[in-house]
Amino acid sequence: MEEKTFLTVDEVAEILTVSKSKAYEIVRQLNKELKEKGLITVAARVSKAYFYERMCYSKE
């Protein structure tokens, strides 16, 4: 099975143990940063690699 490259809002909420509305806020902020770098984003999804980079989380 291929590993997913994006996280959904629900997954962000679960990882960070925050509400869904807070997760939406975080995803919007991260996607705004990516757009400013000239990258294409997907609403309610965020790059998994960028999420972990910005949140200083280890996947393990």
PDB file of N, CA and C in Angstrom:
ATOM      1  N   MET A   1       0.846  -1.188   0.000  1.00  0.00           N
ATOM      2  CA  MET A   1       0.000   0.000   0.000  1.00  0.00           C
ATOM      3  C   MET A   1       0.886   1.245   0.000  1.00  0.00           C
ATOM      4  N   GLU A   2       0.545   2.189  -0.833  1.00  0.00           N
ATOM      5  CA  GLU A   2       1.317   3.423  -0.953  1.00  0.00           C
ATOM      6  C   GLU A   2       1.043   4.351   0.232  1.00  0.00           C
ATOM      7  N   GLU A   3       2.117   4.934   0.769  1.00  0.00           N
ATOM      8  CA  GLU A   3       1.961   5.850   1.897  1.00  0.00           C
ATOM      9  C   GLU A   3       1.350   7.164   1.422  1.00  0.00           C
ATOM     10  N   LYS A   4       0.417   7.695   2.215  1.00  0.00           N
ATOM     11  CA  LYS A   4      -0.247   8.949   1.863  1.00  0.00           C
ATOM     12  C   LYS A   4       0.727  10.114   2.011  1.00  0.00           C
ATOM     13  N   THR A   5       0.596  11.098   1.130  1.00  0.00           N
ATOM     14  CA  THR A   5       1.465  12.273   1.204  1.00  0.00           C
ATOM     15  C   THR A   5       0.766  13.471   1.832  1.00  0.00           C
ATOM     16  N   PHE A   6      -0.544  13.349   2.071  1.00  0.00           N
ATOM     17  CA  PHE A   6      -1.305  14.435   2.684  1.00  0.00           C
ATOM     18  C   PHE A   6      -1.990  13.946   3.953  1.00  0.00           C
ATOM     19  N   LEU A   7      -2.191  14.865   4.885  1.00  0.00           N
ATOM     20  CA  LEU A   7      -2.969  14.596   6.087  1.00  0.00           C
ATOM     21  C   LEU A   7      -4.299  15.336   5.973  1.00  0.00           C
ATOM     22  N   THR A   8      -5.359  14.716   6.453  1.00  0.00           N
ATOM     23  CA  THR A   8      -6.663  15.376   6.488  1.00  0.00           C
ATOM     24  C   THR A   8      -6.785  16.181   7.781  1.00  0.00           C
ATOM     25  N   VAL A   9      -7.801  17.010   7.847  1.00  0.00           N
ATOM     26  CA  VAL A   9      -8.064  17.791   9.057  1.00  0.00           C
ATOM     27  C   VAL A   9      -8.310  16.857  10.244  1.00  0.00           C
ATOM     28  N   ASP A  10      -9.049  15.784  10.016  1.00  0.00           N
ATOM     29  CA  ASP A  10      -9.311  14.829  11.101  1.00  0.00           C
ATOM     30  C   ASP A  10      -8.016  14.222  11.629  1.00  0.00           C
ATOM     31  N   GLU A  11      -7.097  13.894  10.729  1.00  0.00           N
ATOM     32  CA  GLU A  11      -5.817  13.323  11.150  1.00  0.00           C
ATOM     33  C   GLU A  11      -4.981  14.343  11.918  1.00  0.00           C
ATOM     34  N   VAL A  12      -4.986  15.592  11.464  1.00  0.00           N
ATOM     35  CA  VAL A  12      -4.262  16.657  12.165  1.00  0.00           C
ATOM     36  C   VAL A  12      -4.832  16.829  13.571  1.00  0.00           C
ATOM     37  N   ALA A  13      -6.151  16.837  13.691  1.00  0.00           N
ATOM     38  CA  ALA A  13      -6.798  16.979  14.998  1.00  0.00           C
ATOM     39  C   ALA A  13      -6.398  15.836  15.928  1.00  0.00           C
ATOM     40  N   GLU A  14      -6.354  14.636  15.393  1.00  0.00           N
ATOM     41  CA  GLU A  14      -5.990  13.473  16.203  1.00  0.00           C
ATOM     42  C   GLU A  14      -4.518  13.524  16.626  1.00  0.00           C
ATOM     43  N   ILE A  15      -3.634  13.852  15.702  1.00  0.00           N
ATOM     44  CA  ILE A  15      -2.198  13.910  16.005  1.00  0.00           C
ATOM     45  C   ILE A  15      -1.905  14.950  17.079  1.00  0.00           C
ATOM     46  N   LEU A  16      -2.525  16.117  16.950  1.00  0.00           N
ATOM     47  CA  LEU A  16      -2.248  17.223  17.874  1.00  0.00           C
ATOM     48  C   LEU A  16      -3.171  17.240  19.092  1.00  0.00           C
ATOM     49  N   THR A  17      -4.116  16.338  19.128  1.00  0.00           N
ATOM     50  CA  THR A  17      -5.154  16.293  20.171  1.00  0.00           C
ATOM     51  C   THR A  17      -5.797  17.666  20.384  1.00  0.00           C
ATOM     52  N   VAL A  18      -6.313  18.200  19.272  1.00  0.00           N
ATOM     53  CA  VAL A  18      -7.020  19.481  19.285  1.00  0.00           C
ATOM     54  C   VAL A  18      -8.389  19.278  18.641  1.00  0.00           C
ATOM     55  N   SER A  19      -9.236  20.291  18.756  1.00  0.00           N
ATOM     56  CA  SER A  19     -10.558  20.217  18.132  1.00  0.00           C
ATOM     57  C   SER A  19     -10.426  20.277  16.613  1.00  0.00           C
ATOM     58  N   LYS A  20     -11.485  19.873  15.954  1.00  0.00           N
ATOM     59  CA  LYS A  20     -11.497  19.900  14.493  1.00  0.00           C
ATOM     60  C   LYS A  20     -11.390  21.339  13.979  1.00  0.00           C
ATOM     61  N   SER A  21     -12.029  22.288  14.660  1.00  0.00           N
ATOM     62  CA  SER A  21     -11.952  23.685  14.212  1.00  0.00           C
ATOM     63  C   SER A  21     -10.530  24.227  14.349  1.00  0.00           C
ATOM     64  N   LYS A  22      -9.827  23.838  15.403  1.00  0.00           N
ATOM     65  CA  LYS A  22      -8.429  24.257  15.571  1.00  0.00           C
ATOM     66  C   LYS A  22      -7.561  23.604  14.495  1.00  0.00           C
ATOM     67  N   ALA A  23      -7.847  22.362  14.165  1.00  0.00           N
ATOM     68  CA  ALA A  23      -7.105  21.669  13.114  1.00  0.00           C
ATOM     69  C   ALA A  23      -7.298  22.369  11.768  1.00  0.00           C
ATOM     70  N   TYR A  24      -8.531  22.814  11.478  1.00  0.00           N
ATOM     71  CA  TYR A  24      -8.783  23.571  10.246  1.00  0.00           C
ATOM     72  C   TYR A  24      -7.940  24.842  10.223  1.00  0.00           C
ATOM     73  N   GLU A  25      -7.876  25.526  11.342  1.00  0.00           N
ATOM     74  CA  GLU A  25      -7.089  26.757  11.445  1.00  0.00           C
ATOM     75  C   GLU A  25      -5.606  26.480  11.150  1.00  0.00           C
ATOM     76  N   ILE A  26      -5.086  25.404  11.703  1.00  0.00           N
ATOM     77  CA  ILE A  26      -3.683  25.038  11.495  1.00  0.00           C
ATOM     78  C   ILE A  26      -3.437  24.675  10.035  1.00  0.00           C
ATOM     79  N   VAL A  27      -4.326  23.871   9.460  1.00  0.00           N
ATOM     80  CA  VAL A  27      -4.181  23.466   8.053  1.00  0.00           C
ATOM     81  C   VAL A  27      -4.236  24.687   7.141  1.00  0.00           C
ATOM     82  N   ARG A  28      -5.152  25.619   7.412  1.00  0.00           N
ATOM     83  CA  ARG A  28      -5.233  26.845   6.600  1.00  0.00           C
ATOM     84  C   ARG A  28      -3.928  27.635   6.682  1.00  0.00           C
ATOM     85  N   GLN A  29      -3.369  27.752   7.884  1.00  0.00           N
ATOM     86  CA  GLN A  29      -2.120  28.491   8.062  1.00  0.00           C
ATOM     87  C   GLN A  29      -0.967  27.826   7.305  1.00  0.00           C
ATOM     88  N   LEU A  30      -0.848  26.518   7.428  1.00  0.00           N
ATOM     89  CA  LEU A  30       0.225  25.803   6.733  1.00  0.00           C
ATOM     90  C   LEU A  30       0.054  25.904   5.220  1.00  0.00           C
ATOM     91  N   ASN A  31      -1.181  25.782   4.732  1.00  0.00           N
ATOM     92  CA  ASN A  31      -1.422  25.901   3.296  1.00  0.00           C
ATOM     93  C   ASN A  31      -1.140  27.317   2.799  1.00  0.00           C
ATOM     94  N   LYS A  32      -1.413  28.317   3.619  1.00  0.00           N
ATOM     95  CA  LYS A  32      -1.093  29.699   3.255  1.00  0.00           C
ATOM     96  C   LYS A  32       0.417  29.852   3.073  1.00  0.00           C
ATOM     97  N   GLU A  33       1.189  29.273   3.989  1.00  0.00           N
ATOM     98  CA  GLU A  33       2.649  29.326   3.887  1.00  0.00           C
ATOM     99  C   GLU A  33       3.128  28.644   2.609  1.00  0.00           C
ATOM    100  N   LEU A  34       2.535  27.498   2.288  1.00  0.00           N
ATOM    101  CA  LEU A  34       2.923  26.775   1.078  1.00  0.00           C
ATOM    102  C   LEU A  34       2.568  27.569  -0.180  1.00  0.00           C
ATOM    103  N   LYS A  35       1.387  28.213  -0.187  1.00  0.00           N
ATOM    104  CA  LYS A  35       0.985  29.038  -1.333  1.00  0.00           C
ATOM    105  C   LYS A  35       1.942  30.201  -1.533  1.00  0.00           C
ATOM    106  N   GLU A  36       2.397  30.798  -0.426  1.00  0.00           N
ATOM    107  CA  GLU A  36       3.343  31.911  -0.515  1.00  0.00           C
ATOM    108  C   GLU A  36       4.674  31.471  -1.115  1.00  0.00           C
ATOM    109  N   LYS A  37       4.978  30.178  -1.011  1.00  0.00           N
ATOM    110  CA  LYS A  37       6.189  29.617  -1.615  1.00  0.00           C
ATOM    111  C   LYS A  37       5.942  29.223  -3.072  1.00  0.00           C
ATOM    112  N   GLY A  38       4.709  29.453  -3.542  1.00  0.00           N
ATOM    113  CA  GLY A  38       4.371  29.152  -4.929  1.00  0.00           C
ATOM    114  C   GLY A  38       3.920  27.722  -5.173  1.00  0.00           C
ATOM    115  N   LEU A  39       3.582  27.012  -4.124  1.00  0.00           N
ATOM    116  CA  LEU A  39       3.154  25.626  -4.262  1.00  0.00           C
ATOM    117  C   LEU A  39       1.633  25.534  -4.331  1.00  0.00           C
ATOM    118  N   ILE A  40       1.147  24.484  -4.941  1.00  0.00           N
ATOM    119  CA  ILE A  40      -0.286  24.234  -5.042  1.00  0.00           C
ATOM    120  C   ILE A  40      -0.728  23.489  -3.786  1.00  0.00           C
ATOM    121  N   THR A  41      -1.868  23.882  -3.238  1.00  0.00           N
ATOM    122  CA  THR A  41      -2.389  23.231  -2.033  1.00  0.00           C
ATOM    123  C   THR A  41      -3.775  22.659  -2.298  1.00  0.00           C
ATOM    124  N   VAL A  42      -4.212  21.798  -1.398  1.00  0.00           N
ATOM    125  CA  VAL A  42      -5.535  21.186  -1.478  1.00  0.00           C
ATOM    126  C   VAL A  42      -6.287  21.562  -0.205  1.00  0.00           C
ATOM    127  N   ALA A  43      -7.489  22.088  -0.352  1.00  0.00           N
ATOM    128  CA  ALA A  43      -8.286  22.500   0.807  1.00  0.00           C
ATOM    129  C   ALA A  43      -8.511  21.327   1.756  1.00  0.00           C
ATOM    130  N   ALA A  44      -8.421  21.608   3.049  1.00  0.00           N
ATOM    131  CA  ALA A  44      -8.655  20.637   4.123  1.00  0.00           C
ATOM    132  C   ALA A  44      -7.647  19.490   4.136  1.00  0.00           C
ATOM    133  N   ARG A  45      -6.533  19.669   3.437  1.00  0.00           N
ATOM    134  CA  ARG A  45      -5.439  18.695   3.435  1.00  0.00           C
ATOM    135  C   ARG A  45      -4.134  19.476   3.525  1.00  0.00           C
ATOM    136  N   VAL A  46      -3.123  18.849   4.119  1.00  0.00           N
ATOM    137  CA  VAL A  46      -1.822  19.492   4.198  1.00  0.00           C
ATOM    138  C   VAL A  46      -0.749  18.443   3.915  1.00  0.00           C
ATOM    139  N   SER A  47       0.330  18.888   3.305  1.00  0.00           N
ATOM    140  CA  SER A  47       1.453  17.998   3.038  1.00  0.00           C
ATOM    141  C   SER A  47       1.935  17.384   4.347  1.00  0.00           C
ATOM    142  N   LYS A  48       2.030  16.075   4.361  1.00  0.00           N
ATOM    143  CA  LYS A  48       2.468  15.359   5.559  1.00  0.00           C
ATOM    144  C   LYS A  48       3.888  15.779   5.944  1.00  0.00           C
ATOM    145  N   ALA A  49       4.769  15.861   4.960  1.00  0.00           N
ATOM    146  CA  ALA A  49       6.161  16.240   5.222  1.00  0.00           C
ATOM    147  C   ALA A  49       6.246  17.648   5.793  1.00  0.00           C
ATOM    148  N   TYR A  50       5.495  18.587   5.213  1.00  0.00           N
ATOM    149  CA  TYR A  50       5.529  19.972   5.688  1.00  0.00           C
ATOM    150  C   TYR A  50       4.919  20.080   7.084  1.00  0.00           C
ATOM    151  N   PHE A  51       3.859  19.340   7.326  1.00  0.00           N
ATOM    152  CA  PHE A  51       3.229  19.347   8.649  1.00  0.00           C
ATOM    153  C   PHE A  51       4.236  18.940   9.719  1.00  0.00           C
ATOM    154  N   TYR A  52       4.909  17.813   9.512  1.00  0.00           N
ATOM    155  CA  TYR A  52       5.859  17.335  10.517  1.00  0.00           C
ATOM    156  C   TYR A  52       7.054  18.270  10.653  1.00  0.00           C
ATOM    157  N   GLU A  53       7.482  18.859   9.545  1.00  0.00           N
ATOM    158  CA  GLU A  53       8.593  19.825   9.592  1.00  0.00           C
ATOM    159  C   GLU A  53       8.215  21.039  10.445  1.00  0.00           C
ATOM    160  N   ARG A  54       7.048  21.604  10.210  1.00  0.00           N
ATOM    161  CA  ARG A  54       6.617  22.822  10.913  1.00  0.00           C
ATOM    162  C   ARG A  54       6.195  22.559  12.351  1.00  0.00           C
ATOM    163  N   MET A  55       5.670  21.389  12.627  1.00  0.00           N
ATOM    164  CA  MET A  55       5.196  21.085  13.972  1.00  0.00           C
ATOM    165  C   MET A  55       6.283  20.496  14.862  1.00  0.00           C
ATOM    166  N   CYS A  56       7.468  20.283  14.301  1.00  0.00           N
ATOM    167  CA  CYS A  56       8.594  19.708  15.068  1.00  0.00           C
ATOM    168  C   CYS A  56       8.217  18.370  15.686  1.00  0.00           C
ATOM    169  N   TYR A  57       7.462  17.574  14.954  1.00  0.00           N
ATOM    170  CA  TYR A  57       7.062  16.250  15.409  1.00  0.00           C
ATOM    171  C   TYR A  57       7.858  15.201  14.670  1.00  0.00           C
ATOM    172  N   SER A  58       8.145  14.127  15.355  1.00  0.00           N
ATOM    173  CA  SER A  58       8.720  12.955  14.712  1.00  0.00           C
ATOM    174  C   SER A  58       7.565  12.016  14.401  1.00  0.00           C
ATOM    175  N   LYS A  59       7.606  11.364  13.256  1.00  0.00           N
ATOM    176  CA  LYS A  59       6.529  10.450  12.884  1.00  0.00           C
ATOM    177  C   LYS A  59       6.549   9.190  13.744  1.00  0.00           C
ATOM    178  N   GLU A  60       7.612   8.977  14.485  1.00  0.00           N
ATOM    179  CA  GLU A  60       7.731   7.749  15.282  1.00  0.00           C
ATOM    180  C   GLU A  60       7.548   8.002  16.738  1.00  0.00           C
TER     181      GLU A  60
END
